[in-house]
Amino acid sequence: MNSAITLTLPGWQGAGTSHWLELWERTLGFERVQQHDWFAPLRGDWITRLEDVILSKDTVRPFVLVAHGLGCHLVAAWAAVSCNAARVHAALLVAPPDVGRPDFPPEAHSWRRPVLTRLPFAATCVGFNDDPHCSLDAGRRMASSWGAHCVELAGSRPQLETGALGDWPQGQDVLKAALAKRQPEQFNESREPTWSPKN
């Protein structure tokens, strides 16, 4: 969807120069929603910042949201309270963490009660079978609550975090599929059946 404005939403601690989101911004022209504090993220502040950025765009062009980690929960929390959610065409939610885990960072305490209501726009949720921050069961439950289609990738979560996958071309394929409103099962590296919530 070439006419859309694509906003990137990093998670806790932001995204550094080798992060796939940073590389997508550089090569694909996506725009980051800069938060005031990446290390002590307050949910209300992050929601307000996303709303401000969307309101600052005086355009009828739709938005695409590309989120990673805690940024996925930002999408859900913002969509539940914003009057501008209808301006979003689609969202890609990559590796949302299980915020109820005992090892969830205390700095992100305001996110411990996730918003688990159906998103008012199309969404694709990408999970990893080796994600230390979210089990597949927890990922399935979140995606089902959000009404998101899901794709499961095997053995690449740590590499994604460290930047070893570069600009993550497989993720770009999943995004293209999501924007084309196609099911992204063909991108499942594990060759196992992908998990997809019942809508």
C-alpha atoms as a PDB file:
ATOM      1  CA  MET A   1       0.000   0.000   0.000  1.00  0.00           C
ATOM      2  CA  ASN A   2       2.254   2.725  -1.350  1.00  0.00           C
ATOM      3  CA  SER A   3      -0.001   5.602  -0.346  1.00  0.00           C
ATOM      4  CA  ALA A   4      -0.016   4.713   3.354  1.00  0.00           C
ATOM      5  CA  ILE A   5       2.054   6.395   6.045  1.00  0.00           C
ATOM      6  CA  THR A   6       3.902   3.646   7.888  1.00  0.00           C
ATOM      7  CA  LEU A   7       4.792   4.316  11.522  1.00  0.00           C
ATOM      8  CA  THR A   8       7.197   2.127  13.469  1.00  0.00           C
ATOM      9  CA  LEU A   9       6.666   1.473  17.160  1.00  0.00           C
ATOM     10  CA  PRO A  10       9.696   0.004  18.955  1.00  0.00           C
ATOM     11  CA  GLY A  11       9.349  -1.636  22.322  1.00  0.00           C
ATOM     12  CA  TRP A  12      11.046  -1.164  25.676  1.00  0.00           C
ATOM     13  CA  GLN A  13      14.510   0.432  25.294  1.00  0.00           C
ATOM     14  CA  GLY A  14      13.780   1.488  21.712  1.00  0.00           C
ATOM     15  CA  ALA A  15      15.587   0.236  18.612  1.00  0.00           C
ATOM     16  CA  GLY A  16      19.265   0.796  17.895  1.00  0.00           C
ATOM     17  CA  THR A  17      21.101   1.346  14.615  1.00  0.00           C
ATOM     18  CA  SER A  18      21.280  -2.381  13.754  1.00  0.00           C
ATOM     19  CA  HIS A  19      17.673  -3.125  14.685  1.00  0.00           C
ATOM     20  CA  TRP A  20      15.421  -4.257  11.837  1.00  0.00           C
ATOM     21  CA  LEU A  21      12.989  -1.415  12.549  1.00  0.00           C
ATOM     22  CA  GLU A  22      15.775   1.138  12.163  1.00  0.00           C
ATOM     23  CA  LEU A  23      16.847  -0.509   8.898  1.00  0.00           C
ATOM     24  CA  TRP A  24      13.272  -0.521   7.598  1.00  0.00           C
ATOM     25  CA  GLU A  25      13.000   3.163   8.415  1.00  0.00           C
ATOM     26  CA  ARG A  26      16.155   3.902   6.436  1.00  0.00           C
ATOM     27  CA  THR A  27      15.446   1.735   3.411  1.00  0.00           C
ATOM     28  CA  LEU A  28      11.639   1.856   3.186  1.00  0.00           C
ATOM     29  CA  GLY A  29      10.967   5.398   4.395  1.00  0.00           C
ATOM     30  CA  PHE A  30       9.003   4.413   7.476  1.00  0.00           C
ATOM     31  CA  GLU A  31       8.716   6.937  10.315  1.00  0.00           C
ATOM     32  CA  ARG A  32       9.418   6.143  13.950  1.00  0.00           C
ATOM     33  CA  VAL A  33       7.128   7.303  16.727  1.00  0.00           C
ATOM     34  CA  GLN A  34       9.719   8.702  19.128  1.00  0.00           C
ATOM     35  CA  GLN A  35       8.817   8.257  22.777  1.00  0.00           C
ATOM     36  CA  HIS A  36      10.050  10.606  25.488  1.00  0.00           C
ATOM     37  CA  ASP A  37      11.342   7.763  27.652  1.00  0.00           C
ATOM     38  CA  TRP A  38      12.258   4.376  26.185  1.00  0.00           C
ATOM     39  CA  PHE A  39      13.552   2.964  29.477  1.00  0.00           C
ATOM     40  CA  ALA A  40      10.739   3.818  31.909  1.00  0.00           C
ATOM     41  CA  PRO A  41       7.745   3.496  29.582  1.00  0.00           C
ATOM     42  CA  LEU A  42       4.472   4.816  30.946  1.00  0.00           C
ATOM     43  CA  ARG A  43       1.509   3.508  29.032  1.00  0.00           C
ATOM     44  CA  GLY A  44      -0.446   6.757  29.128  1.00  0.00           C
ATOM     45  CA  ASP A  45       2.539   8.719  27.854  1.00  0.00           C
ATOM     46  CA  TRP A  46       3.177   6.296  25.000  1.00  0.00           C
ATOM     47  CA  ILE A  47      -0.495   6.318  23.962  1.00  0.00           C
ATOM     48  CA  THR A  48      -0.566  10.117  23.983  1.00  0.00           C
ATOM     49  CA  ARG A  49       2.576  10.294  21.888  1.00  0.00           C
ATOM     50  CA  LEU A  50       1.181   7.956  19.221  1.00  0.00           C
ATOM     51  CA  GLU A  51      -2.048   9.939  19.131  1.00  0.00           C
ATOM     52  CA  ASP A  52      -0.115  13.201  18.753  1.00  0.00           C
ATOM     53  CA  VAL A  53       1.881  11.852  15.826  1.00  0.00           C
ATOM     54  CA  ILE A  54      -1.227  10.638  14.012  1.00  0.00           C
ATOM     55  CA  LEU A  55      -3.035  13.914  14.624  1.00  0.00           C
ATOM     56  CA  SER A  56      -0.028  15.836  13.304  1.00  0.00           C
ATOM     57  CA  LYS A  57      -0.485  14.283   9.863  1.00  0.00           C
ATOM     58  CA  ASP A  58      -3.019  16.472   8.103  1.00  0.00           C
ATOM     59  CA  THR A  59      -3.817  13.938   5.444  1.00  0.00           C
ATOM     60  CA  VAL A  60      -6.459  11.506   4.294  1.00  0.00           C
ATOM     61  CA  ARG A  61      -3.806   8.861   3.678  1.00  0.00           C
ATOM     62  CA  PRO A  62      -4.221   5.746   5.825  1.00  0.00           C
ATOM     63  CA  PHE A  63      -1.669   4.555   8.365  1.00  0.00           C
ATOM     64  CA  VAL A  64       0.132   1.252   8.736  1.00  0.00           C
ATOM     65  CA  LEU A  65       1.585   0.453  12.162  1.00  0.00           C
ATOM     66  CA  VAL A  66       4.663  -1.759  12.462  1.00  0.00           C
ATOM     67  CA  ALA A  67       5.311  -2.653  16.090  1.00  0.00           C
ATOM     68  CA  HIS A  68       7.862  -4.708  17.972  1.00  0.00           C
ATOM     69  CA  GLY A  69       7.774  -5.981  21.538  1.00  0.00           C
ATOM     70  CA  LEU A  70       6.002  -3.599  23.877  1.00  0.00           C
ATOM     71  CA  GLY A  71       5.042  -1.539  20.838  1.00  0.00           C
ATOM     72  CA  CYS A  72       2.490  -4.264  20.037  1.00  0.00           C
ATOM     73  CA  HIS A  73       0.745  -3.597  23.339  1.00  0.00           C
ATOM     74  CA  LEU A  74       0.877   0.105  22.542  1.00  0.00           C
ATOM     75  CA  VAL A  75      -1.112  -0.549  19.365  1.00  0.00           C
ATOM     76  CA  ALA A  76      -3.803  -2.398  21.324  1.00  0.00           C
ATOM     77  CA  ALA A  77      -3.959   0.151  24.134  1.00  0.00           C
ATOM     78  CA  TRP A  78      -4.096   3.105  21.764  1.00  0.00           C
ATOM     79  CA  ALA A  79      -6.726   1.550  19.499  1.00  0.00           C
ATOM     80  CA  ALA A  80      -9.004   0.947  22.493  1.00  0.00           C
ATOM     81  CA  VAL A  81      -9.193   4.649  23.402  1.00  0.00           C
ATOM     82  CA  SER A  82      -8.459   6.632  20.242  1.00  0.00           C
ATOM     83  CA  CYS A  83     -11.042   8.214  17.977  1.00  0.00           C
ATOM     84  CA  ASN A  84      -8.541   7.900  15.130  1.00  0.00           C
ATOM     85  CA  ALA A  85      -8.198   4.130  14.981  1.00  0.00           C
ATOM     86  CA  ALA A  86     -10.278   4.094  11.783  1.00  0.00           C
ATOM     87  CA  ARG A  87      -7.378   5.865  10.062  1.00  0.00           C
ATOM     88  CA  VAL A  88      -5.260   2.705  10.414  1.00  0.00           C
ATOM     89  CA  HIS A  89      -5.313   0.311   7.483  1.00  0.00           C
ATOM     90  CA  ALA A  90      -3.330  -2.519   9.063  1.00  0.00           C
ATOM     91  CA  ALA A  91      -0.790  -3.416  11.739  1.00  0.00           C
ATOM     92  CA  LEU A  92       2.138  -5.803  11.946  1.00  0.00           C
ATOM     93  CA  LEU A  93       2.741  -6.933  15.540  1.00  0.00           C
ATOM     94  CA  VAL A  94       6.097  -8.641  15.985  1.00  0.00           C
ATOM     95  CA  ALA A  95       6.961 -10.604  19.133  1.00  0.00           C
ATOM     96  CA  PRO A  96       4.542  -9.113  21.667  1.00  0.00           C
ATOM     97  CA  PRO A  97       5.774  -9.986  25.162  1.00  0.00           C
ATOM     98  CA  ASP A  98       3.714 -11.742  27.798  1.00  0.00           C
ATOM     99  CA  VAL A  99       3.372  -8.832  30.230  1.00  0.00           C
ATOM    100  CA  GLY A 100       2.084 -11.140  32.979  1.00  0.00           C
ATOM    101  CA  ARG A 101       5.323 -13.096  33.295  1.00  0.00           C
ATOM    102  CA  PRO A 102       7.165 -12.842  36.638  1.00  0.00           C
ATOM    103  CA  ASP A 103      10.309 -11.693  34.834  1.00  0.00           C
ATOM    104  CA  PHE A 104       8.563  -8.833  33.033  1.00  0.00           C
ATOM    105  CA  PRO A 105      10.725  -5.707  33.559  1.00  0.00           C
ATOM    106  CA  PRO A 106       9.596  -3.679  36.580  1.00  0.00           C
ATOM    107  CA  GLU A 107      10.406  -0.496  34.654  1.00  0.00           C
ATOM    108  CA  ALA A 108       7.382  -1.276  32.464  1.00  0.00           C
ATOM    109  CA  HIS A 109       4.991  -1.880  35.355  1.00  0.00           C
ATOM    110  CA  SER A 110       2.193   0.242  33.857  1.00  0.00           C
ATOM    111  CA  TRP A 111       1.822  -2.325  31.056  1.00  0.00           C
ATOM    112  CA  ARG A 112       1.156  -5.314  33.308  1.00  0.00           C
ATOM    113  CA  ARG A 113      -2.576  -5.250  32.591  1.00  0.00           C
ATOM    114  CA  PRO A 114      -2.746  -5.653  28.818  1.00  0.00           C
ATOM    115  CA  VAL A 115      -5.562  -4.398  26.642  1.00  0.00           C
ATOM    116  CA  LEU A 116      -7.022  -7.522  25.063  1.00  0.00           C
ATOM    117  CA  THR A 117      -9.891  -6.221  22.973  1.00  0.00           C
ATOM    118  CA  ARG A 118     -10.401  -6.820  19.284  1.00  0.00           C
ATOM    119  CA  LEU A 119      -8.508  -4.402  17.061  1.00  0.00           C
ATOM    120  CA  PRO A 120     -10.682  -2.317  14.726  1.00  0.00           C
ATOM    121  CA  PHE A 121      -8.296  -2.871  11.807  1.00  0.00           C
ATOM    122  CA  ALA A 122      -6.549  -5.795  10.145  1.00  0.00           C
ATOM    123  CA  ALA A 123      -3.536  -7.112  12.047  1.00  0.00           C
ATOM    124  CA  THR A 124      -0.930  -9.834  11.677  1.00  0.00           C
ATOM    125  CA  CYS A 125       0.847 -11.103  14.772  1.00  0.00           C
ATOM    126  CA  VAL A 126       4.277 -12.741  14.390  1.00  0.00           C
ATOM    127  CA  GLY A 127       5.367 -15.185  17.080  1.00  0.00           C
ATOM    128  CA  PHE A 128       8.544 -17.214  17.566  1.00  0.00           C
ATOM    129  CA  ASN A 129       8.873 -20.694  18.995  1.00  0.00           C
ATOM    130  CA  ASP A 130      12.082 -19.676  20.785  1.00  0.00           C
ATOM    131  CA  ASP A 131      10.853 -16.386  22.256  1.00  0.00           C
ATOM    132  CA  PRO A 132      12.072 -16.133  25.885  1.00  0.00           C
ATOM    133  CA  HIS A 133       9.533 -13.396  26.623  1.00  0.00           C
ATOM    134  CA  CYS A 134       6.351 -15.090  25.425  1.00  0.00           C
ATOM    135  CA  SER A 135       5.247 -18.698  25.072  1.00  0.00           C
ATOM    136  CA  LEU A 136       3.312 -19.760  22.004  1.00  0.00           C
ATOM    137  CA  ASP A 137       0.212 -20.348  24.142  1.00  0.00           C
ATOM    138  CA  ALA A 138       0.354 -16.811  25.525  1.00  0.00           C
ATOM    139  CA  GLY A 139       0.951 -15.452  22.033  1.00  0.00           C
ATOM    140  CA  ARG A 140      -2.050 -17.343  20.705  1.00  0.00           C
ATOM    141  CA  ARG A 141      -4.291 -15.964  23.415  1.00  0.00           C
ATOM    142  CA  MET A 142      -3.196 -12.381  22.754  1.00  0.00           C
ATOM    143  CA  ALA A 143      -3.599 -12.712  19.012  1.00  0.00           C
ATOM    144  CA  SER A 144      -7.029 -14.269  19.408  1.00  0.00           C
ATOM    145  CA  SER A 145      -8.143 -11.431  21.674  1.00  0.00           C
ATOM    146  CA  TRP A 146      -6.868  -8.867  19.164  1.00  0.00           C
ATOM    147  CA  GLY A 147      -8.494 -10.686  16.222  1.00  0.00           C
ATOM    148  CA  ALA A 148      -5.131 -10.913  14.507  1.00  0.00           C
ATOM    149  CA  HIS A 149      -3.950 -13.447  11.968  1.00  0.00           C
ATOM    150  CA  CYS A 150      -0.817 -15.208  13.111  1.00  0.00           C
ATOM    151  CA  VAL A 151       2.366 -16.593  11.674  1.00  0.00           C
ATOM    152  CA  GLU A 152       4.868 -18.605  13.670  1.00  0.00           C
ATOM    153  CA  LEU A 153       8.566 -18.493  12.840  1.00  0.00           C
ATOM    154  CA  ALA A 154      11.094 -20.941  14.194  1.00  0.00           C
ATOM    155  CA  GLY A 155      14.502 -20.327  15.661  1.00  0.00           C
ATOM    156  CA  SER A 156      15.009 -16.673  14.803  1.00  0.00           C
ATOM    157  CA  ARG A 157      13.892 -14.618  17.827  1.00  0.00           C
ATOM    158  CA  PRO A 158      17.390 -14.139  19.374  1.00  0.00           C
ATOM    159  CA  GLN A 159      18.872 -13.219  15.984  1.00  0.00           C
ATOM    160  CA  LEU A 160      16.070 -10.742  15.422  1.00  0.00           C
ATOM    161  CA  GLU A 161      16.833  -9.092  18.754  1.00  0.00           C
ATOM    162  CA  THR A 162      20.569  -8.741  18.128  1.00  0.00           C
ATOM    163  CA  GLY A 163      20.282  -7.510  14.552  1.00  0.00           C
ATOM    164  CA  ALA A 164      21.858 -10.649  13.108  1.00  0.00           C
ATOM    165  CA  LEU A 165      19.040 -10.905  10.565  1.00  0.00           C
ATOM    166  CA  GLY A 166      19.831  -7.484   9.112  1.00  0.00           C
ATOM    167  CA  ASP A 167      16.807  -5.804   7.610  1.00  0.00           C
ATOM    168  CA  TRP A 168      14.836  -9.046   8.085  1.00  0.00           C
ATOM    169  CA  PRO A 169      13.594  -9.618   4.522  1.00  0.00           C
ATOM    170  CA  GLN A 170      11.284 -12.397   5.697  1.00  0.00           C
ATOM    171  CA  GLY A 171       9.504  -9.888   7.898  1.00  0.00           C
ATOM    172  CA  GLN A 172       9.085  -7.588   4.910  1.00  0.00           C
ATOM    173  CA  ASP A 173       7.440 -10.467   3.044  1.00  0.00           C
ATOM    174  CA  VAL A 174       5.049 -11.018   5.944  1.00  0.00           C
ATOM    175  CA  LEU A 175       4.214  -7.301   5.949  1.00  0.00           C
ATOM    176  CA  LYS A 176       3.552  -7.322   2.208  1.00  0.00           C
ATOM    177  CA  ALA A 177       1.271 -10.318   2.636  1.00  0.00           C
ATOM    178  CA  ALA A 178      -0.582  -8.603   5.469  1.00  0.00           C
ATOM    179  CA  LEU A 179      -1.137  -5.470   3.408  1.00  0.00           C
ATOM    180  CA  ALA A 180      -2.364  -7.587   0.505  1.00  0.00           C
ATOM    181  CA  LYS A 181      -4.811  -9.216   2.939  1.00  0.00           C
ATOM    182  CA  ARG A 182      -3.349 -12.623   2.243  1.00  0.00           C
ATOM    183  CA  GLN A 183      -2.719 -15.266   4.847  1.00  0.00           C
ATOM    184  CA  PRO A 184       1.020 -15.350   5.700  1.00  0.00           C
ATOM    185  CA  GLU A 185       1.285 -19.103   6.440  1.00  0.00           C
ATOM    186  CA  GLN A 186       3.720 -19.610   3.554  1.00  0.00           C
ATOM    187  CA  PHE A 187       6.394 -17.767   5.533  1.00  0.00           C
ATOM    188  CA  ASN A 188       6.503 -20.326   8.346  1.00  0.00           C
ATOM    189  CA  GLU A 189      10.152 -21.366   8.512  1.00  0.00           C
ATOM    190  CA  SER A 190       9.426 -24.329  10.773  1.00  0.00           C
ATOM    191  CA  ARG A 191       7.221 -25.979   8.120  1.00  0.00           C
ATOM    192  CA  GLU A 192       4.850 -26.776  10.974  1.00  0.00           C
ATOM    193  CA  PRO A 193       1.183 -25.768  10.838  1.00  0.00           C
ATOM    194  CA  THR A 194       0.917 -22.118  11.756  1.00  0.00           C
ATOM    195  CA  TRP A 195      -1.392 -21.000  14.501  1.00  0.00           C
ATOM    196  CA  SER A 196      -4.256 -18.737  13.659  1.00  0.00           C
ATOM    197  CA  PRO A 197      -7.011 -17.622  16.031  1.00  0.00           C
ATOM    198  CA  LYS A 198     -10.635 -18.238  15.335  1.00  0.00           C
ATOM    199  CA  ASN A 199     -12.251 -14.916  14.554  1.00  0.00           C
END
